[in-house]
C-alpha atoms as a PDB file:
ATOM      1  CA  UNK A   1       7.783 -19.648  -0.044  1.00  0.00           C
ATOM      2  CA  UNK A   2      11.085 -17.804  -0.451  1.00  0.00           C
ATOM      3  CA  UNK A   3      11.687 -14.733   2.111  1.00  0.00           C
ATOM      4  CA  UNK A   4      13.606 -11.508   1.595  1.00  0.00           C
ATOM      5  CA  UNK A   5      14.678 -11.808   5.154  1.00  0.00           C
ATOM      6  CA  UNK A   6      13.781  -9.918   8.160  1.00  0.00           C
ATOM      7  CA  UNK A   7      13.149  -6.390   7.950  1.00  0.00           C
ATOM      8  CA  UNK A   8      15.510  -3.344   8.916  1.00  0.00           C
ATOM      9  CA  UNK A   9      14.592  -1.783  12.087  1.00  0.00           C
ATOM     10  CA  UNK A  10      12.094   0.912  12.056  1.00  0.00           C
ATOM     11  CA  UNK A  11      13.581   4.491  12.050  1.00  0.00           C
ATOM     12  CA  UNK A  12      12.643   7.913  11.200  1.00  0.00           C
ATOM     13  CA  UNK A  13      13.883   9.408   8.013  1.00  0.00           C
ATOM     14  CA  UNK A  14      14.384  12.874   6.652  1.00  0.00           C
ATOM     15  CA  UNK A  15      12.749  13.895   3.295  1.00  0.00           C
ATOM     16  CA  UNK A  16      14.252  12.259   0.431  1.00  0.00           C
ATOM     17  CA  UNK A  17      16.856  14.128  -1.472  1.00  0.00           C
ATOM     18  CA  UNK A  18      15.591  16.836  -4.002  1.00  0.00           C
ATOM     19  CA  UNK A  19      18.440  16.254  -6.493  1.00  0.00           C
ATOM     20  CA  UNK A  20      17.620  13.815  -9.260  1.00  0.00           C
ATOM     21  CA  UNK A  21      19.920  10.704  -9.728  1.00  0.00           C
ATOM     22  CA  UNK A  22      20.465   8.071 -12.365  1.00  0.00           C
ATOM     23  CA  UNK A  23      20.874   4.445 -11.400  1.00  0.00           C
ATOM     24  CA  UNK A  24      21.683   1.838 -13.968  1.00  0.00           C
ATOM     25  CA  UNK A  25      20.491   4.374 -16.554  1.00  0.00           C
ATOM     26  CA  UNK A  26      17.127   4.809 -14.896  1.00  0.00           C
ATOM     27  CA  UNK A  27      16.508   8.545 -13.957  1.00  0.00           C
ATOM     28  CA  UNK A  28      14.851   9.100 -10.573  1.00  0.00           C
ATOM     29  CA  UNK A  29      13.762  12.785 -11.644  1.00  0.00           C
ATOM     30  CA  UNK A  30      10.258  12.008 -11.379  1.00  0.00           C
ATOM     31  CA  UNK A  31      10.319   9.740  -8.348  1.00  0.00           C
ATOM     32  CA  UNK A  32       8.058  10.797  -5.513  1.00  0.00           C
ATOM     33  CA  UNK A  33       9.661  11.528  -1.859  1.00  0.00           C
ATOM     34  CA  UNK A  34       7.379   8.825  -0.128  1.00  0.00           C
ATOM     35  CA  UNK A  35       8.645   6.285  -2.761  1.00  0.00           C
ATOM     36  CA  UNK A  36      12.160   7.349  -2.603  1.00  0.00           C
ATOM     37  CA  UNK A  37      12.247   7.270   1.138  1.00  0.00           C
ATOM     38  CA  UNK A  38      10.626   3.927   1.601  1.00  0.00           C
ATOM     39  CA  UNK A  39      13.145   2.447  -0.817  1.00  0.00           C
ATOM     40  CA  UNK A  40      15.876   4.070   1.084  1.00  0.00           C
ATOM     41  CA  UNK A  41      14.233   2.665   4.351  1.00  0.00           C
ATOM     42  CA  UNK A  42      14.055  -0.765   2.986  1.00  0.00           C
ATOM     43  CA  UNK A  43      17.436  -1.165   1.349  1.00  0.00           C
ATOM     44  CA  UNK A  44      20.199  -3.303   3.011  1.00  0.00           C
ATOM     45  CA  UNK A  45      23.990  -3.514   2.034  1.00  0.00           C
ATOM     46  CA  UNK A  46      24.405  -5.589  -1.214  1.00  0.00           C
ATOM     47  CA  UNK A  47      20.983  -4.574  -2.577  1.00  0.00           C
ATOM     48  CA  UNK A  48      20.910  -3.306  -6.205  1.00  0.00           C
ATOM     49  CA  UNK A  49      18.359  -0.589  -6.812  1.00  0.00           C
ATOM     50  CA  UNK A  50      16.574   0.193 -10.347  1.00  0.00           C
ATOM     51  CA  UNK A  51      18.116  -2.988 -11.549  1.00  0.00           C
ATOM     52  CA  UNK A  52      17.043  -3.833 -15.201  1.00  0.00           C
ATOM     53  CA  UNK A  53      15.388  -7.304 -15.176  1.00  0.00           C
ATOM     54  CA  UNK A  54      13.016  -8.913 -17.843  1.00  0.00           C
ATOM     55  CA  UNK A  55      12.483  -5.526 -19.570  1.00  0.00           C
ATOM     56  CA  UNK A  56      11.605  -3.809 -16.159  1.00  0.00           C
ATOM     57  CA  UNK A  57      13.538  -1.748 -13.759  1.00  0.00           C
ATOM     58  CA  UNK A  58      13.169  -3.375 -10.219  1.00  0.00           C
ATOM     59  CA  UNK A  59      12.997  -1.047  -7.255  1.00  0.00           C
ATOM     60  CA  UNK A  60      15.305  -3.413  -5.191  1.00  0.00           C
ATOM     61  CA  UNK A  61      16.819  -6.551  -6.286  1.00  0.00           C
ATOM     62  CA  UNK A  62      17.977  -8.608  -3.071  1.00  0.00           C
ATOM     63  CA  UNK A  63      19.950 -11.747  -4.657  1.00  0.00           C
ATOM     64  CA  UNK A  64      17.109 -13.091  -6.925  1.00  0.00           C
ATOM     65  CA  UNK A  65      14.217 -11.490  -4.909  1.00  0.00           C
ATOM     66  CA  UNK A  66      12.425  -8.663  -6.490  1.00  0.00           C
ATOM     67  CA  UNK A  67      11.236  -5.989  -3.989  1.00  0.00           C
ATOM     68  CA  UNK A  68       8.531  -3.588  -5.567  1.00  0.00           C
ATOM     69  CA  UNK A  69       7.344  -0.569  -3.502  1.00  0.00           C
ATOM     70  CA  UNK A  70       3.921   0.797  -4.854  1.00  0.00           C
ATOM     71  CA  UNK A  71       2.357   3.891  -3.061  1.00  0.00           C
ATOM     72  CA  UNK A  72      -0.209   4.144  -5.664  1.00  0.00           C
ATOM     73  CA  UNK A  73      -2.811   1.974  -7.467  1.00  0.00           C
ATOM     74  CA  UNK A  74      -2.078  -1.883  -7.765  1.00  0.00           C
ATOM     75  CA  UNK A  75      -3.759  -1.759 -11.217  1.00  0.00           C
ATOM     76  CA  UNK A  76      -0.714   0.346 -12.441  1.00  0.00           C
ATOM     77  CA  UNK A  77       1.791  -2.282 -11.557  1.00  0.00           C
ATOM     78  CA  UNK A  78      -0.348  -5.509 -12.034  1.00  0.00           C
ATOM     79  CA  UNK A  79       1.081  -6.535 -15.606  1.00  0.00           C
ATOM     80  CA  UNK A  80       4.687  -5.860 -14.357  1.00  0.00           C
ATOM     81  CA  UNK A  81       4.021  -8.124 -11.198  1.00  0.00           C
ATOM     82  CA  UNK A  82       2.562 -11.035 -13.120  1.00  0.00           C
ATOM     83  CA  UNK A  83       5.332 -11.077 -15.779  1.00  0.00           C
ATOM     84  CA  UNK A  84       8.078 -11.151 -13.016  1.00  0.00           C
ATOM     85  CA  UNK A  85       6.349 -13.776 -10.934  1.00  0.00           C
ATOM     86  CA  UNK A  86       6.820 -16.207 -13.816  1.00  0.00           C
ATOM     87  CA  UNK A  87      10.458 -16.361 -12.994  1.00  0.00           C
ATOM     88  CA  UNK A  88      11.385 -14.746  -9.791  1.00  0.00           C
ATOM     89  CA  UNK A  89       9.984 -14.425  -6.152  1.00  0.00           C
ATOM     90  CA  UNK A  90       8.356 -10.859  -5.932  1.00  0.00           C
ATOM     91  CA  UNK A  91       7.457  -8.966  -2.650  1.00  0.00           C
ATOM     92  CA  UNK A  92       5.195  -6.105  -3.010  1.00  0.00           C
ATOM     93  CA  UNK A  93       5.498  -3.384  -0.138  1.00  0.00           C
ATOM     94  CA  UNK A  94       2.570  -1.090   0.222  1.00  0.00           C
ATOM     95  CA  UNK A  95       2.380   1.745   2.723  1.00  0.00           C
ATOM     96  CA  UNK A  96      -0.842   2.736   4.773  1.00  0.00           C
ATOM     97  CA  UNK A  97      -0.605   6.074   6.690  1.00  0.00           C
ATOM     98  CA  UNK A  98      -2.083   5.544  10.158  1.00  0.00           C
ATOM     99  CA  UNK A  99      -1.121   9.065  11.210  1.00  0.00           C
ATOM    100  CA  UNK A 100      -0.983  12.116   8.757  1.00  0.00           C
ATOM    101  CA  UNK A 101       0.256  15.671   9.196  1.00  0.00           C
ATOM    102  CA  UNK A 102      -1.224  18.067   6.725  1.00  0.00           C
ATOM    103  CA  UNK A 103       1.348  20.668   6.128  1.00  0.00           C
ATOM    104  CA  UNK A 104       0.161  24.001   4.195  1.00  0.00           C
ATOM    105  CA  UNK A 105       2.776  25.636   2.025  1.00  0.00           C
ATOM    106  CA  UNK A 106       2.851  29.184   0.740  1.00  0.00           C
ATOM    107  CA  UNK A 107       3.222  29.816  -3.063  1.00  0.00           C
ATOM    108  CA  UNK A 108       7.098  29.606  -2.984  1.00  0.00           C
ATOM    109  CA  UNK A 109       6.423  25.758  -2.065  1.00  0.00           C
ATOM    110  CA  UNK A 110       8.821  26.207   0.808  1.00  0.00           C
ATOM    111  CA  UNK A 111       7.228  28.492   3.671  1.00  0.00           C
ATOM    112  CA  UNK A 112       5.247  26.596   5.930  1.00  0.00           C
ATOM    113  CA  UNK A 113       1.894  28.426   6.854  1.00  0.00           C
ATOM    114  CA  UNK A 114       0.276  25.802   9.104  1.00  0.00           C
ATOM    115  CA  UNK A 115       0.463  22.243  10.183  1.00  0.00           C
ATOM    116  CA  UNK A 116      -2.487  19.946  11.650  1.00  0.00           C
ATOM    117  CA  UNK A 117      -2.914  16.166  12.110  1.00  0.00           C
ATOM    118  CA  UNK A 118      -5.572  14.805   9.888  1.00  0.00           C
ATOM    119  CA  UNK A 119      -8.674  13.200  11.522  1.00  0.00           C
ATOM    120  CA  UNK A 120      -8.270  10.388   9.178  1.00  0.00           C
ATOM    121  CA  UNK A 121      -6.338   7.383  10.241  1.00  0.00           C
ATOM    122  CA  UNK A 122      -5.782   4.403   8.103  1.00  0.00           C
ATOM    123  CA  UNK A 123      -5.776   0.781   9.234  1.00  0.00           C
ATOM    124  CA  UNK A 124      -4.274  -2.486   8.035  1.00  0.00           C
ATOM    125  CA  UNK A 125      -7.739  -3.041   6.333  1.00  0.00           C
ATOM    126  CA  UNK A 126      -7.278  -0.336   3.871  1.00  0.00           C
ATOM    127  CA  UNK A 127      -5.057  -2.860   1.937  1.00  0.00           C
ATOM    128  CA  UNK A 128      -8.304  -4.003   0.347  1.00  0.00           C
ATOM    129  CA  UNK A 129      -8.793  -0.627  -1.314  1.00  0.00           C
ATOM    130  CA  UNK A 130      -5.872  -2.072  -3.531  1.00  0.00           C
ATOM    131  CA  UNK A 131      -6.026  -5.734  -3.287  1.00  0.00           C
ATOM    132  CA  UNK A 132      -9.308  -5.504  -5.095  1.00  0.00           C
ATOM    133  CA  UNK A 133      -7.232  -4.864  -8.301  1.00  0.00           C
ATOM    134  CA  UNK A 134      -5.439  -8.094  -8.158  1.00  0.00           C
ATOM    135  CA  UNK A 135      -6.519 -10.363  -5.312  1.00  0.00           C
ATOM    136  CA  UNK A 136      -5.358 -13.606  -7.088  1.00  0.00           C
ATOM    137  CA  UNK A 137      -1.465 -12.321  -6.871  1.00  0.00           C
ATOM    138  CA  UNK A 138      -1.632 -13.963  -3.417  1.00  0.00           C
ATOM    139  CA  UNK A 139      -2.536 -17.221  -4.830  1.00  0.00           C
ATOM    140  CA  UNK A 140       1.008 -17.192  -6.683  1.00  0.00           C
ATOM    141  CA  UNK A 141       3.842 -19.328  -4.780  1.00  0.00           C
ATOM    142  CA  UNK A 142       6.200 -16.517  -5.774  1.00  0.00           C
ATOM    143  CA  UNK A 143       4.340 -13.570  -4.429  1.00  0.00           C
ATOM    144  CA  UNK A 144       4.511 -11.845  -0.902  1.00  0.00           C
ATOM    145  CA  UNK A 145       2.547  -8.813   0.088  1.00  0.00           C
ATOM    146  CA  UNK A 146       4.014  -6.582   2.864  1.00  0.00           C
ATOM    147  CA  UNK A 147       2.196  -3.739   4.335  1.00  0.00           C
ATOM    148  CA  UNK A 148       3.896  -0.902   6.148  1.00  0.00           C
ATOM    149  CA  UNK A 149       2.001   1.126   8.620  1.00  0.00           C
ATOM    150  CA  UNK A 150       3.581   4.760   8.453  1.00  0.00           C
ATOM    151  CA  UNK A 151       3.405   8.244   9.630  1.00  0.00           C
ATOM    152  CA  UNK A 152       3.634  10.795   6.892  1.00  0.00           C
ATOM    153  CA  UNK A 153       3.175  14.346   6.043  1.00  0.00           C
ATOM    154  CA  UNK A 154       1.014  15.534   3.278  1.00  0.00           C
ATOM    155  CA  UNK A 155       2.234  18.721   1.720  1.00  0.00           C
ATOM    156  CA  UNK A 156      -0.372  21.072   0.052  1.00  0.00           C
ATOM    157  CA  UNK A 157       0.144  24.059  -1.885  1.00  0.00           C
ATOM    158  CA  UNK A 158      -2.455  26.786  -2.859  1.00  0.00           C
ATOM    159  CA  UNK A 159      -3.003  26.654  -6.643  1.00  0.00           C
ATOM    160  CA  UNK A 160      -5.563  29.174  -7.859  1.00  0.00           C
ATOM    161  CA  UNK A 161      -7.928  27.819 -10.318  1.00  0.00           C
ATOM    162  CA  UNK A 162      -7.348  24.156  -9.410  1.00  0.00           C
ATOM    163  CA  UNK A 163      -8.743  21.764  -6.855  1.00  0.00           C
ATOM    164  CA  UNK A 164     -11.941  23.752  -6.130  1.00  0.00           C
ATOM    165  CA  UNK A 165     -13.089  21.228  -3.627  1.00  0.00           C
ATOM    166  CA  UNK A 166     -10.298  22.136  -1.506  1.00  0.00           C
ATOM    167  CA  UNK A 167     -10.573  25.977  -2.220  1.00  0.00           C
ATOM    168  CA  UNK A 168      -7.484  25.751  -4.365  1.00  0.00           C
ATOM    169  CA  UNK A 169      -5.152  23.684  -1.878  1.00  0.00           C
ATOM    170  CA  UNK A 170      -3.605  20.850  -3.776  1.00  0.00           C
ATOM    171  CA  UNK A 171      -1.556  17.831  -2.618  1.00  0.00           C
ATOM    172  CA  UNK A 172       2.007  18.269  -3.966  1.00  0.00           C
ATOM    173  CA  UNK A 173       3.917  15.595  -1.815  1.00  0.00           C
ATOM    174  CA  UNK A 174       3.790  13.031   0.622  1.00  0.00           C
ATOM    175  CA  UNK A 175       6.804  12.569   2.946  1.00  0.00           C
ATOM    176  CA  UNK A 176       7.753   9.648   5.203  1.00  0.00           C
ATOM    177  CA  UNK A 177       8.309  10.393   8.847  1.00  0.00           C
ATOM    178  CA  UNK A 178       8.424   6.852  10.292  1.00  0.00           C
ATOM    179  CA  UNK A 179       7.619   3.137   9.720  1.00  0.00           C
ATOM    180  CA  UNK A 180       5.769   1.996  12.698  1.00  0.00           C
ATOM    181  CA  UNK A 181       4.853  -1.363  11.943  1.00  0.00           C
ATOM    182  CA  UNK A 182       4.987  -4.266   9.213  1.00  0.00           C
ATOM    183  CA  UNK A 183       2.772  -7.012   8.347  1.00  0.00           C
ATOM    184  CA  UNK A 184       3.461  -9.835   5.679  1.00  0.00           C
ATOM    185  CA  UNK A 185       0.906 -11.884   3.762  1.00  0.00           C
ATOM    186  CA  UNK A 186       2.283 -14.984   1.969  1.00  0.00           C
ATOM    187  CA  UNK A 187      -0.867 -17.063   1.816  1.00  0.00           C
ATOM    188  CA  UNK A 188      -4.462 -16.109   1.101  1.00  0.00           C
ATOM    189  CA  UNK A 189      -5.711 -17.734   4.244  1.00  0.00           C
ATOM    190  CA  UNK A 190      -3.703 -15.272   6.385  1.00  0.00           C
ATOM    191  CA  UNK A 191      -6.405 -12.557   5.488  1.00  0.00           C
ATOM    192  CA  UNK A 192      -8.832 -14.467   7.541  1.00  0.00           C
ATOM    193  CA  UNK A 193      -7.027 -13.012  10.563  1.00  0.00           C
ATOM    194  CA  UNK A 194      -8.279  -9.461   9.803  1.00  0.00           C
ATOM    195  CA  UNK A 195     -11.978 -10.669  10.214  1.00  0.00           C
ATOM    196  CA  UNK A 196     -13.859  -9.554  13.331  1.00  0.00           C
ATOM    197  CA  UNK A 197     -13.993 -12.039  16.142  1.00  0.00           C
ATOM    198  CA  UNK A 198     -17.529 -13.649  16.909  1.00  0.00           C
ATOM    199  CA  UNK A 199     -18.673 -13.726  13.318  1.00  0.00           C
ATOM    200  CA  UNK A 200     -22.047 -15.589  12.728  1.00  0.00           C
ATOM    201  CA  UNK A 201     -21.969 -18.606  10.556  1.00  0.00           C
ATOM    202  CA  UNK A 202     -23.558 -16.640   7.718  1.00  0.00           C
ATOM    203  CA  UNK A 203     -22.797 -12.977   7.468  1.00  0.00           C
ATOM    204  CA  UNK A 204     -23.103  -9.907   5.314  1.00  0.00           C
ATOM    205  CA  UNK A 205     -20.986  -7.035   4.538  1.00  0.00           C
ATOM    206  CA  UNK A 206     -22.850  -4.998   6.983  1.00  0.00           C
ATOM    207  CA  UNK A 207     -21.937  -7.563   9.653  1.00  0.00           C
ATOM    208  CA  UNK A 208     -18.185  -7.095   8.737  1.00  0.00           C
ATOM    209  CA  UNK A 209     -18.701  -3.342   8.702  1.00  0.00           C
ATOM    210  CA  UNK A 210     -20.089  -3.306  12.245  1.00  0.00           C
ATOM    211  CA  UNK A 211     -17.618  -5.854  13.702  1.00  0.00           C
ATOM    212  CA  UNK A 212     -14.647  -3.999  12.083  1.00  0.00           C
ATOM    213  CA  UNK A 213     -16.028  -0.480  12.628  1.00  0.00           C
ATOM    214  CA  UNK A 214     -15.063   0.422   9.111  1.00  0.00           C
ATOM    215  CA  UNK A 215     -17.161   1.677   6.209  1.00  0.00           C
ATOM    216  CA  UNK A 216     -19.378  -0.853   4.308  1.00  0.00           C
ATOM    217  CA  UNK A 217     -17.766   0.166   1.059  1.00  0.00           C
ATOM    218  CA  UNK A 218     -14.552  -1.096   2.336  1.00  0.00           C
ATOM    219  CA  UNK A 219     -16.085  -4.332   3.755  1.00  0.00           C
ATOM    220  CA  UNK A 220     -17.572  -5.019   0.426  1.00  0.00           C
ATOM    221  CA  UNK A 221     -14.071  -4.830  -1.096  1.00  0.00           C
ATOM    222  CA  UNK A 222     -12.960  -7.153   1.658  1.00  0.00           C
ATOM    223  CA  UNK A 223     -15.708  -9.469   0.727  1.00  0.00           C
ATOM    224  CA  UNK A 224     -14.881  -9.423  -2.897  1.00  0.00           C
ATOM    225  CA  UNK A 225     -11.299 -10.259  -2.321  1.00  0.00           C
ATOM    226  CA  UNK A 226     -11.980 -13.166   0.159  1.00  0.00           C
ATOM    227  CA  UNK A 227     -14.518 -14.511  -2.267  1.00  0.00           C
ATOM    228  CA  UNK A 228     -12.025 -14.424  -5.269  1.00  0.00           C
ATOM    229  CA  UNK A 229      -9.495 -16.325  -3.253  1.00  0.00           C
ATOM    230  CA  UNK A 230     -12.037 -19.047  -2.329  1.00  0.00           C
ATOM    231  CA  UNK A 231     -12.006 -18.093   1.383  1.00  0.00           C
ATOM    232  CA  UNK A 232     -15.704 -17.273   1.570  1.00  0.00           C
ATOM    233  CA  UNK A 233     -18.589 -18.267  -0.418  1.00  0.00           C
ATOM    234  CA  UNK A 234     -22.035 -16.873  -1.284  1.00  0.00           C
ATOM    235  CA  UNK A 235     -24.807 -18.923   0.292  1.00  0.00           C
ATOM    236  CA  UNK A 236     -27.760 -16.708  -0.575  1.00  0.00           C
ATOM    237  CA  UNK A 237     -29.585 -13.269   0.113  1.00  0.00           C
ATOM    238  CA  UNK A 238     -31.290 -11.722   3.075  1.00  0.00           C
ATOM    239  CA  UNK A 239     -33.502  -9.009   1.518  1.00  0.00           C
ATOM    240  CA  UNK A 240     -30.961  -7.178  -0.729  1.00  0.00           C
ATOM    241  CA  UNK A 241     -27.849  -8.290   1.262  1.00  0.00           C
ATOM    242  CA  UNK A 242     -25.844 -11.112   0.078  1.00  0.00           C
ATOM    243  CA  UNK A 243     -25.014 -13.782   2.565  1.00  0.00           C
ATOM    244  CA  UNK A 244     -21.627 -15.373   3.041  1.00  0.00           C
ATOM    245  CA  UNK A 245     -19.937 -18.342   4.776  1.00  0.00           C
ATOM    246  CA  UNK A 246     -16.396 -19.277   5.632  1.00  0.00           C
ATOM    247  CA  UNK A 247     -15.343 -22.052   3.196  1.00  0.00           C
END
């Protein structure tokens, strides 16, 4: 497995520049702040940004290594990754917010009305919310997954007539405050390190949820990914619950 080398040191960043840029003919006009900031955090001297390759623009091209930063759904980038992997080493970088500051803005989009810390805190296990869309990527020799645990701001603005669940408050932007930690996965078996200690020989997703203290909906995705990667196998049922064991 090839490597993109050690990470740059963690550091705080200001919000990404608001002025649109064009790199190699690729416009960053619609690039989100979080994506732009992570790209700036990750880049090194000599890296090429938004480099055209095999019909795609690559976020960061480091030598012959492609670095793709994805802040959204893995399904949106799945085809691109599979095509690049045929010829190039690819590292997919995905951020998870372990701490989030919720900032409410006035209708002008600038004046801050309030700030509070969100009670929701992400963990490394949240990677399975996205990995479920393409778990087999980890079986490819050219693929590496890197999870960045970050602190971020979530900017909300009141938009009457929209977002009725939030009484008109809609999310308009995410901003990077700090990269706290990084975790790299190069082989499927490394995912087993995320399982809780003391797991019985046969177990259910309810056992995983209890051991990890995470919702069962998430541990069901975890089990799906591990089963797809031949790390666990189905052995039967206990009532309505599926039973698994390590391979």
